[in-house]
Amino acid sequence: MNRLDGKVAFLSGAARGIGGATAKRMVEAGAKVVIGDMLDEVGARHAKDIGATYVHLDVTQEASWAAAMDATIKAHGKLDVLVNNAGVFVGKGIEDVSLDEWHKLVSVNLTGVVLGTRAALPHLKKTKGNIVNLASIAGLVGSQLDPLYSLTKGGVTLFTKSTALEFGRKGYGIRVNSIHPGLIETDMGNQTFVMRAKQVGTNDTEQARKATLALHPIGRLGVADDIAKGIVFLASDDASFMTGAGLVVDGGWTAH
């Protein structure tokens, strides 16, 4: 048997990147997968390619989450796994970020996770399912270059622990865990190289990449599939004794 046979999983922001890789891995692991994203063309194509279902989702809107959950239940009859994957990155210091940029960061990275959890909860209570939240190593240690992104991911880290405790106290049987990627070679990861180069007054993204690589004792940067494998593990029964935990997949960055 595969690790997710018989499970139904919903992933936000999974048209590409870490979410896209995770959706593919989950299908291969035996799950029925629904992808929610705002990149309709890209998301629908990816879903078709891997044998998943695609729905439009704006994670900042409660009504959009309700419609996505309705579509999932209509298609598959239940929900076992929620992956709160959608996120954005700003890469600006406290003096440089605009209030609009801050509001967008919060609405996607924090409000999106809260709304997703609330929308999925009635369905997960029925299946005693589980939630995997995408945090970051920036939610574990401070970031001298990205303090506001770090703030939102720190919030996801503690929301994960707190909801695990709340759902345990209420007897729901729902596990909640987070995963903490290091620098991953995705579109968002490439954005960080551009931002970091600007922050030191250059346009040399290759130098920024080398400086980041030097922080990884394992000797390479991560790829989306590295994180996808960890998410599949947390979502599976192999992790049945894990809740309120954070799985760090960062090539050794936070070992410093």
C-alpha atoms as a PDB file:
ATOM      1  CA  MET A   1       0.000   0.000   0.000  1.00  0.00           C
ATOM      2  CA  ASN A   2       1.004   3.579  -0.560  1.00  0.00           C
ATOM      3  CA  ARG A   3       1.267   5.955   2.389  1.00  0.00           C
ATOM      4  CA  LEU A   4      -1.902   7.940   1.625  1.00  0.00           C
ATOM      5  CA  ASP A   5      -4.184   5.298   0.129  1.00  0.00           C
ATOM      6  CA  GLY A   6      -7.827   6.224   0.664  1.00  0.00           C
ATOM      7  CA  LYS A   7      -7.026   9.756   1.845  1.00  0.00           C
ATOM      8  CA  VAL A   8      -8.418  12.986   0.389  1.00  0.00           C
ATOM      9  CA  ALA A   9      -6.052  15.957   0.581  1.00  0.00           C
ATOM     10  CA  PHE A  10      -6.580  19.651  -0.105  1.00  0.00           C
ATOM     11  CA  LEU A  11      -3.573  21.886  -0.757  1.00  0.00           C
ATOM     12  CA  SER A  12      -3.657  25.671  -1.009  1.00  0.00           C
ATOM     13  CA  GLY A  13      -1.251  27.483  -3.317  1.00  0.00           C
ATOM     14  CA  ALA A  14      -0.290  24.247  -5.044  1.00  0.00           C
ATOM     15  CA  ALA A  15      -0.250  25.253  -8.704  1.00  0.00           C
ATOM     16  CA  ARG A  16       3.557  25.228  -8.638  1.00  0.00           C
ATOM     17  CA  GLY A  17       6.592  25.254  -6.352  1.00  0.00           C
ATOM     18  CA  ILE A  18       6.527  23.324  -3.082  1.00  0.00           C
ATOM     19  CA  GLY A  19       2.750  22.944  -3.240  1.00  0.00           C
ATOM     20  CA  GLY A  20       2.869  21.643  -6.786  1.00  0.00           C
ATOM     21  CA  ALA A  21       5.559  19.099  -5.928  1.00  0.00           C
ATOM     22  CA  THR A  22       3.608  18.015  -2.853  1.00  0.00           C
ATOM     23  CA  ALA A  23       0.389  17.537  -4.821  1.00  0.00           C
ATOM     24  CA  LYS A  24       2.261  15.270  -7.240  1.00  0.00           C
ATOM     25  CA  ARG A  25       3.831  13.269  -4.420  1.00  0.00           C
ATOM     26  CA  MET A  26       0.473  12.870  -2.708  1.00  0.00           C
ATOM     27  CA  VAL A  27      -1.175  11.533  -5.846  1.00  0.00           C
ATOM     28  CA  GLU A  28       1.706   9.073  -6.224  1.00  0.00           C
ATOM     29  CA  ALA A  29       1.220   8.088  -2.568  1.00  0.00           C
ATOM     30  CA  GLY A  30      -2.382   7.114  -3.281  1.00  0.00           C
ATOM     31  CA  ALA A  31      -4.327  10.212  -2.239  1.00  0.00           C
ATOM     32  CA  LYS A  32      -7.134  11.948  -4.065  1.00  0.00           C
ATOM     33  CA  VAL A  33      -5.855  15.516  -4.295  1.00  0.00           C
ATOM     34  CA  VAL A  34      -7.548  18.877  -4.744  1.00  0.00           C
ATOM     35  CA  ILE A  35      -5.402  21.907  -5.587  1.00  0.00           C
ATOM     36  CA  GLY A  36      -6.617  25.399  -4.694  1.00  0.00           C
ATOM     37  CA  ASP A  37      -4.870  28.425  -6.180  1.00  0.00           C
ATOM     38  CA  MET A  38      -5.371  31.755  -7.933  1.00  0.00           C
ATOM     39  CA  LEU A  39      -3.162  30.774 -10.881  1.00  0.00           C
ATOM     40  CA  ASP A  40      -6.042  29.134 -12.691  1.00  0.00           C
ATOM     41  CA  GLU A  41      -4.355  28.250 -15.977  1.00  0.00           C
ATOM     42  CA  VAL A  42      -1.162  26.939 -14.377  1.00  0.00           C
ATOM     43  CA  GLY A  43      -3.041  25.172 -11.604  1.00  0.00           C
ATOM     44  CA  ALA A  44      -5.581  23.500 -13.876  1.00  0.00           C
ATOM     45  CA  ARG A  45      -2.829  22.269 -16.182  1.00  0.00           C
ATOM     46  CA  HIS A  46      -0.775  20.882 -13.288  1.00  0.00           C
ATOM     47  CA  ALA A  47      -3.826  19.168 -11.801  1.00  0.00           C
ATOM     48  CA  LYS A  48      -4.610  17.540 -15.136  1.00  0.00           C
ATOM     49  CA  ASP A  49      -1.004  16.395 -15.557  1.00  0.00           C
ATOM     50  CA  ILE A  50      -0.854  14.660 -12.182  1.00  0.00           C
ATOM     51  CA  GLY A  51      -4.429  13.394 -11.916  1.00  0.00           C
ATOM     52  CA  ALA A  52      -5.698  15.877  -9.332  1.00  0.00           C
ATOM     53  CA  THR A  53      -8.669  18.277  -9.199  1.00  0.00           C
ATOM     54  CA  TYR A  54      -8.284  22.047  -9.440  1.00  0.00           C
ATOM     55  CA  VAL A  55     -10.431  24.747  -7.839  1.00  0.00           C
ATOM     56  CA  HIS A  56      -9.984  28.508  -7.745  1.00  0.00           C
ATOM     57  CA  LEU A  57      -9.035  29.717  -4.268  1.00  0.00           C
ATOM     58  CA  ASP A  58      -8.254  33.108  -2.765  1.00  0.00           C
ATOM     59  CA  VAL A  59      -6.956  32.142   0.687  1.00  0.00           C
ATOM     60  CA  THR A  60      -7.711  35.603   2.077  1.00  0.00           C
ATOM     61  CA  GLN A  61     -11.459  35.249   1.474  1.00  0.00           C
ATOM     62  CA  GLU A  62     -13.727  33.170   3.712  1.00  0.00           C
ATOM     63  CA  ALA A  63     -16.289  32.629   0.947  1.00  0.00           C
ATOM     64  CA  SER A  64     -13.586  31.313  -1.380  1.00  0.00           C
ATOM     65  CA  TRP A  65     -12.508  28.758   1.207  1.00  0.00           C
ATOM     66  CA  ALA A  66     -16.121  27.678   1.753  1.00  0.00           C
ATOM     67  CA  ALA A  67     -16.590  27.123  -1.976  1.00  0.00           C
ATOM     68  CA  ALA A  68     -13.329  25.173  -2.212  1.00  0.00           C
ATOM     69  CA  MET A  69     -14.324  22.896   0.662  1.00  0.00           C
ATOM     70  CA  ASP A  70     -17.768  22.354  -0.868  1.00  0.00           C
ATOM     71  CA  ALA A  71     -16.144  21.387  -4.171  1.00  0.00           C
ATOM     72  CA  THR A  72     -13.799  18.957  -2.408  1.00  0.00           C
ATOM     73  CA  ILE A  73     -16.610  17.223  -0.541  1.00  0.00           C
ATOM     74  CA  LYS A  74     -18.748  17.099  -3.668  1.00  0.00           C
ATOM     75  CA  ALA A  75     -15.917  15.488  -5.652  1.00  0.00           C
ATOM     76  CA  HIS A  76     -14.602  13.056  -3.036  1.00  0.00           C
ATOM     77  CA  GLY A  77     -17.082  12.882  -0.149  1.00  0.00           C
ATOM     78  CA  LYS A  78     -14.667  13.740   2.658  1.00  0.00           C
ATOM     79  CA  LEU A  79     -11.438  15.495   3.668  1.00  0.00           C
ATOM     80  CA  ASP A  80      -8.541  13.839   5.489  1.00  0.00           C
ATOM     81  CA  VAL A  81      -5.643  16.256   5.001  1.00  0.00           C
ATOM     82  CA  LEU A  82      -5.329  20.034   4.740  1.00  0.00           C
ATOM     83  CA  VAL A  83      -2.015  21.524   3.621  1.00  0.00           C
ATOM     84  CA  ASN A  84      -1.906  25.269   4.268  1.00  0.00           C
ATOM     85  CA  ASN A  85       0.811  25.947   1.727  1.00  0.00           C
ATOM     86  CA  ALA A  86      -0.054  29.303   0.139  1.00  0.00           C
ATOM     87  CA  GLY A  87       2.377  32.062   1.073  1.00  0.00           C
ATOM     88  CA  VAL A  88       4.059  35.221  -0.164  1.00  0.00           C
ATOM     89  CA  PHE A  89       7.466  36.792   0.442  1.00  0.00           C
ATOM     90  CA  VAL A  90       8.317  40.486   0.599  1.00  0.00           C
ATOM     91  CA  GLY A  91      12.010  40.584   1.489  1.00  0.00           C
ATOM     92  CA  LYS A  92      12.088  44.169   2.755  1.00  0.00           C
ATOM     93  CA  GLY A  93      13.246  45.640   6.031  1.00  0.00           C
ATOM     94  CA  ILE A  94      10.981  47.300   8.552  1.00  0.00           C
ATOM     95  CA  GLU A  95      11.850  50.782   7.248  1.00  0.00           C
ATOM     96  CA  ASP A  96      11.277  49.920   3.598  1.00  0.00           C
ATOM     97  CA  VAL A  97       8.074  47.920   3.473  1.00  0.00           C
ATOM     98  CA  SER A  98       4.826  49.717   2.691  1.00  0.00           C
ATOM     99  CA  LEU A  99       1.698  49.268   4.744  1.00  0.00           C
ATOM    100  CA  ASP A 100      -0.040  47.683   1.742  1.00  0.00           C
ATOM    101  CA  GLU A 101       2.791  45.147   1.406  1.00  0.00           C
ATOM    102  CA  TRP A 102       2.515  44.340   5.099  1.00  0.00           C
ATOM    103  CA  HIS A 103      -1.244  43.863   4.865  1.00  0.00           C
ATOM    104  CA  LYS A 104      -0.817  41.481   1.908  1.00  0.00           C
ATOM    105  CA  LEU A 105       1.829  39.508   3.796  1.00  0.00           C
ATOM    106  CA  VAL A 106      -0.471  39.111   6.794  1.00  0.00           C
ATOM    107  CA  SER A 107      -3.585  38.360   4.756  1.00  0.00           C
ATOM    108  CA  VAL A 108      -1.943  35.480   2.877  1.00  0.00           C
ATOM    109  CA  ASN A 109       0.570  34.091   5.371  1.00  0.00           C
ATOM    110  CA  LEU A 110      -1.535  34.392   8.521  1.00  0.00           C
ATOM    111  CA  THR A 111      -5.197  35.040   7.716  1.00  0.00           C
ATOM    112  CA  GLY A 112      -5.074  32.438   4.937  1.00  0.00           C
ATOM    113  CA  VAL A 113      -3.928  29.779   7.393  1.00  0.00           C
ATOM    114  CA  VAL A 114      -6.613  30.706   9.925  1.00  0.00           C
ATOM    115  CA  LEU A 115      -9.385  30.699   7.322  1.00  0.00           C
ATOM    116  CA  GLY A 116      -8.199  27.420   5.828  1.00  0.00           C
ATOM    117  CA  THR A 117      -8.125  25.764   9.224  1.00  0.00           C
ATOM    118  CA  ARG A 118     -11.608  27.039  10.096  1.00  0.00           C
ATOM    119  CA  ALA A 119     -13.079  25.952   6.752  1.00  0.00           C
ATOM    120  CA  ALA A 120     -11.571  22.467   6.873  1.00  0.00           C
ATOM    121  CA  LEU A 121     -12.247  21.812  10.562  1.00  0.00           C
ATOM    122  CA  PRO A 122     -15.832  20.458  10.326  1.00  0.00           C
ATOM    123  CA  HIS A 123     -14.693  17.942   7.703  1.00  0.00           C
ATOM    124  CA  LEU A 124     -11.483  16.939   9.486  1.00  0.00           C
ATOM    125  CA  LYS A 125     -13.413  16.331  12.696  1.00  0.00           C
ATOM    126  CA  LYS A 126     -15.422  13.664  10.863  1.00  0.00           C
ATOM    127  CA  THR A 127     -12.340  11.836   9.574  1.00  0.00           C
ATOM    128  CA  LYS A 128      -9.966  12.616  12.480  1.00  0.00           C
ATOM    129  CA  GLY A 129      -7.689  13.994   9.823  1.00  0.00           C
ATOM    130  CA  ASN A 130      -4.659  16.235  10.012  1.00  0.00           C
ATOM    131  CA  ILE A 131      -3.244  19.600   9.008  1.00  0.00           C
ATOM    132  CA  VAL A 132       0.220  20.475   7.745  1.00  0.00           C
ATOM    133  CA  ASN A 133       1.129  24.165   7.851  1.00  0.00           C
ATOM    134  CA  LEU A 134       3.947  25.582   5.750  1.00  0.00           C
ATOM    135  CA  ALA A 135       6.107  27.640   8.070  1.00  0.00           C
ATOM    136  CA  SER A 136       9.803  28.343   7.494  1.00  0.00           C
ATOM    137  CA  ILE A 137      13.122  28.360   9.291  1.00  0.00           C
ATOM    138  CA  ALA A 138      12.368  32.107   9.397  1.00  0.00           C
ATOM    139  CA  GLY A 139       9.622  31.119  11.818  1.00  0.00           C
ATOM    140  CA  LEU A 140      12.157  29.498  14.143  1.00  0.00           C
ATOM    141  CA  VAL A 141      15.098  31.905  14.170  1.00  0.00           C
ATOM    142  CA  GLY A 142      15.351  35.613  13.497  1.00  0.00           C
ATOM    143  CA  SER A 143      16.030  37.024  10.055  1.00  0.00           C
ATOM    144  CA  GLN A 144      18.151  40.145   9.752  1.00  0.00           C
ATOM    145  CA  LEU A 145      16.978  40.685   6.176  1.00  0.00           C
ATOM    146  CA  ASP A 146      13.304  39.630   6.296  1.00  0.00           C
ATOM    147  CA  PRO A 147      11.856  40.543   9.715  1.00  0.00           C
ATOM    148  CA  LEU A 148       8.233  40.848   8.616  1.00  0.00           C
ATOM    149  CA  TYR A 149       8.189  37.565   6.710  1.00  0.00           C
ATOM    150  CA  SER A 150       9.803  36.030   9.794  1.00  0.00           C
ATOM    151  CA  LEU A 151       7.037  37.510  11.949  1.00  0.00           C
ATOM    152  CA  THR A 152       4.306  35.876   9.873  1.00  0.00           C
ATOM    153  CA  LYS A 153       6.024  32.490   9.811  1.00  0.00           C
ATOM    154  CA  GLY A 154       6.658  32.657  13.530  1.00  0.00           C
ATOM    155  CA  GLY A 155       2.929  33.146  13.883  1.00  0.00           C
ATOM    156  CA  VAL A 156       2.279  30.016  11.806  1.00  0.00           C
ATOM    157  CA  THR A 157       4.682  28.074  14.032  1.00  0.00           C
ATOM    158  CA  LEU A 158       2.860  28.961  17.252  1.00  0.00           C
ATOM    159  CA  PHE A 159      -0.592  28.706  15.670  1.00  0.00           C
ATOM    160  CA  THR A 160       0.333  25.122  14.751  1.00  0.00           C
ATOM    161  CA  LYS A 161       1.281  24.265  18.319  1.00  0.00           C
ATOM    162  CA  SER A 162      -1.731  26.041  19.794  1.00  0.00           C
ATOM    163  CA  THR A 163      -4.311  24.443  17.498  1.00  0.00           C
ATOM    164  CA  ALA A 164      -2.746  21.029  18.137  1.00  0.00           C
ATOM    165  CA  LEU A 165      -3.300  21.627  21.849  1.00  0.00           C
ATOM    166  CA  GLU A 166      -6.817  23.009  21.359  1.00  0.00           C
ATOM    167  CA  PHE A 167      -7.957  20.145  19.142  1.00  0.00           C
ATOM    168  CA  GLY A 168      -6.393  17.637  21.551  1.00  0.00           C
ATOM    169  CA  ARG A 169      -8.177  19.207  24.519  1.00  0.00           C
ATOM    170  CA  LYS A 170     -11.479  19.053  22.663  1.00  0.00           C
ATOM    171  CA  GLY A 171     -10.960  15.421  21.695  1.00  0.00           C
ATOM    172  CA  TYR A 172     -11.127  16.013  17.939  1.00  0.00           C
ATOM    173  CA  GLY A 173      -8.362  13.549  17.095  1.00  0.00           C
ATOM    174  CA  ILE A 174      -6.921  16.017  14.577  1.00  0.00           C
ATOM    175  CA  ARG A 175      -3.153  16.266  14.332  1.00  0.00           C
ATOM    176  CA  VAL A 176      -1.567  19.624  13.402  1.00  0.00           C
ATOM    177  CA  ASN A 177       2.090  19.923  12.421  1.00  0.00           C
ATOM    178  CA  SER A 178       4.286  22.414  10.608  1.00  0.00           C
ATOM    179  CA  ILE A 179       7.164  22.046   8.190  1.00  0.00           C
ATOM    180  CA  HIS A 180      10.078  24.489   8.102  1.00  0.00           C
ATOM    181  CA  PRO A 181      11.917  24.699   4.783  1.00  0.00           C
ATOM    182  CA  GLY A 182      15.270  26.362   4.332  1.00  0.00           C
ATOM    183  CA  LEU A 183      16.047  28.199   1.104  1.00  0.00           C
ATOM    184  CA  ILE A 184      14.345  26.190  -1.640  1.00  0.00           C
ATOM    185  CA  GLU A 185      14.996  26.618  -5.362  1.00  0.00           C
ATOM    186  CA  THR A 186      11.525  27.717  -6.431  1.00  0.00           C
ATOM    187  CA  ASP A 187      10.162  30.977  -7.853  1.00  0.00           C
ATOM    188  CA  MET A 188       9.905  32.305  -4.290  1.00  0.00           C
ATOM    189  CA  GLY A 189      13.426  31.141  -3.552  1.00  0.00           C
ATOM    190  CA  ASN A 190      14.726  32.976  -6.597  1.00  0.00           C
ATOM    191  CA  GLN A 191      12.947  36.116  -5.388  1.00  0.00           C
ATOM    192  CA  THR A 192      15.015  35.957  -2.222  1.00  0.00           C
ATOM    193  CA  PHE A 193      18.263  36.053  -4.201  1.00  0.00           C
ATOM    194  CA  VAL A 194      17.107  39.185  -5.998  1.00  0.00           C
ATOM    195  CA  MET A 195      16.020  40.854  -2.769  1.00  0.00           C
ATOM    196  CA  ARG A 196      19.185  39.906  -0.896  1.00  0.00           C
ATOM    197  CA  ALA A 197      21.355  41.282  -3.691  1.00  0.00           C
ATOM    198  CA  LYS A 198      19.461  44.579  -3.561  1.00  0.00           C
ATOM    199  CA  GLN A 199      19.788  44.731   0.208  1.00  0.00           C
ATOM    200  CA  VAL A 200      23.585  44.715  -0.032  1.00  0.00           C
ATOM    201  CA  GLY A 201      23.554  47.264  -2.846  1.00  0.00           C
ATOM    202  CA  THR A 202      24.230  45.072  -5.879  1.00  0.00           C
ATOM    203  CA  ASN A 203      22.369  43.261  -8.640  1.00  0.00           C
ATOM    204  CA  ASP A 204      24.601  40.190  -8.311  1.00  0.00           C
ATOM    205  CA  THR A 205      22.071  37.452  -7.657  1.00  0.00           C
ATOM    206  CA  GLU A 206      24.676  34.751  -8.269  1.00  0.00           C
ATOM    207  CA  GLN A 207      26.774  36.090  -5.413  1.00  0.00           C
ATOM    208  CA  ALA A 208      23.682  36.170  -3.218  1.00  0.00           C
ATOM    209  CA  ARG A 209      23.029  32.554  -4.162  1.00  0.00           C
ATOM    210  CA  LYS A 210      26.594  31.545  -3.252  1.00  0.00           C
ATOM    211  CA  ALA A 211      26.347  33.350   0.086  1.00  0.00           C
ATOM    212  CA  THR A 212      23.118  31.479   0.854  1.00  0.00           C
ATOM    213  CA  LEU A 213      24.590  28.158  -0.257  1.00  0.00           C
ATOM    214  CA  ALA A 214      27.454  28.662   2.195  1.00  0.00           C
ATOM    215  CA  LEU A 215      24.919  28.566   5.050  1.00  0.00           C
ATOM    216  CA  HIS A 216      23.895  25.000   4.144  1.00  0.00           C
ATOM    217  CA  PRO A 217      26.275  22.437   5.688  1.00  0.00           C
ATOM    218  CA  ILE A 218      24.763  19.739   3.499  1.00  0.00           C
ATOM    219  CA  GLY A 219      26.409  21.431   0.489  1.00  0.00           C
ATOM    220  CA  ARG A 220      23.426  22.212  -1.716  1.00  0.00           C
ATOM    221  CA  LEU A 221      20.226  24.229  -1.773  1.00  0.00           C
ATOM    222  CA  GLY A 222      16.917  22.497  -1.309  1.00  0.00           C
ATOM    223  CA  VAL A 223      14.449  21.660  -4.056  1.00  0.00           C
ATOM    224  CA  ALA A 224      10.668  21.527  -3.816  1.00  0.00           C
ATOM    225  CA  ASP A 225      10.629  17.735  -3.714  1.00  0.00           C
ATOM    226  CA  ASP A 226      12.727  17.747  -0.518  1.00  0.00           C
ATOM    227  CA  ILE A 227       9.889  19.531   1.253  1.00  0.00           C
ATOM    228  CA  ALA A 228       7.145  17.561  -0.491  1.00  0.00           C
ATOM    229  CA  LYS A 229       8.505  14.312   0.920  1.00  0.00           C
ATOM    230  CA  GLY A 230       8.388  15.756   4.429  1.00  0.00           C
ATOM    231  CA  ILE A 231       4.804  16.927   3.988  1.00  0.00           C
ATOM    232  CA  VAL A 232       3.710  13.507   2.746  1.00  0.00           C
ATOM    233  CA  PHE A 233       5.290  11.964   5.841  1.00  0.00           C
ATOM    234  CA  LEU A 234       3.523  14.378   8.214  1.00  0.00           C
ATOM    235  CA  ALA A 235       0.192  13.808   6.438  1.00  0.00           C
ATOM    236  CA  SER A 236       0.517  10.028   6.584  1.00  0.00           C
ATOM    237  CA  ASP A 237      -0.171   7.577   9.381  1.00  0.00           C
ATOM    238  CA  ASP A 238       3.605   7.149   9.687  1.00  0.00           C
ATOM    239  CA  ALA A 239       3.455  10.388  11.702  1.00  0.00           C
ATOM    240  CA  SER A 240       0.474   9.295  13.809  1.00  0.00           C
ATOM    241  CA  PHE A 241       2.226  10.144  17.104  1.00  0.00           C
ATOM    242  CA  MET A 242       3.222  13.633  15.961  1.00  0.00           C
ATOM    243  CA  THR A 243       1.151  16.716  16.684  1.00  0.00           C
ATOM    244  CA  GLY A 244       2.187  20.255  17.531  1.00  0.00           C
ATOM    245  CA  ALA A 245       5.577  19.445  16.046  1.00  0.00           C
ATOM    246  CA  GLY A 246       7.754  21.260  13.532  1.00  0.00           C
ATOM    247  CA  LEU A 247       9.717  19.284  10.951  1.00  0.00           C
ATOM    248  CA  VAL A 248      12.838  21.198   9.896  1.00  0.00           C
ATOM    249  CA  VAL A 249      14.076  20.475   6.358  1.00  0.00           C
ATOM    250  CA  ASP A 250      16.803  23.050   5.817  1.00  0.00           C
ATOM    251  CA  GLY A 251      20.075  21.380   4.857  1.00  0.00           C
ATOM    252  CA  GLY A 252      21.479  22.182   8.280  1.00  0.00           C
ATOM    253  CA  TRP A 253      20.969  25.970   8.165  1.00  0.00           C
ATOM    254  CA  THR A 254      19.526  26.241  11.682  1.00  0.00           C
ATOM    255  CA  ALA A 255      22.221  23.938  13.105  1.00  0.00           C
ATOM    256  CA  HIS A 256      24.541  26.982  13.212  1.00  0.00           C
END
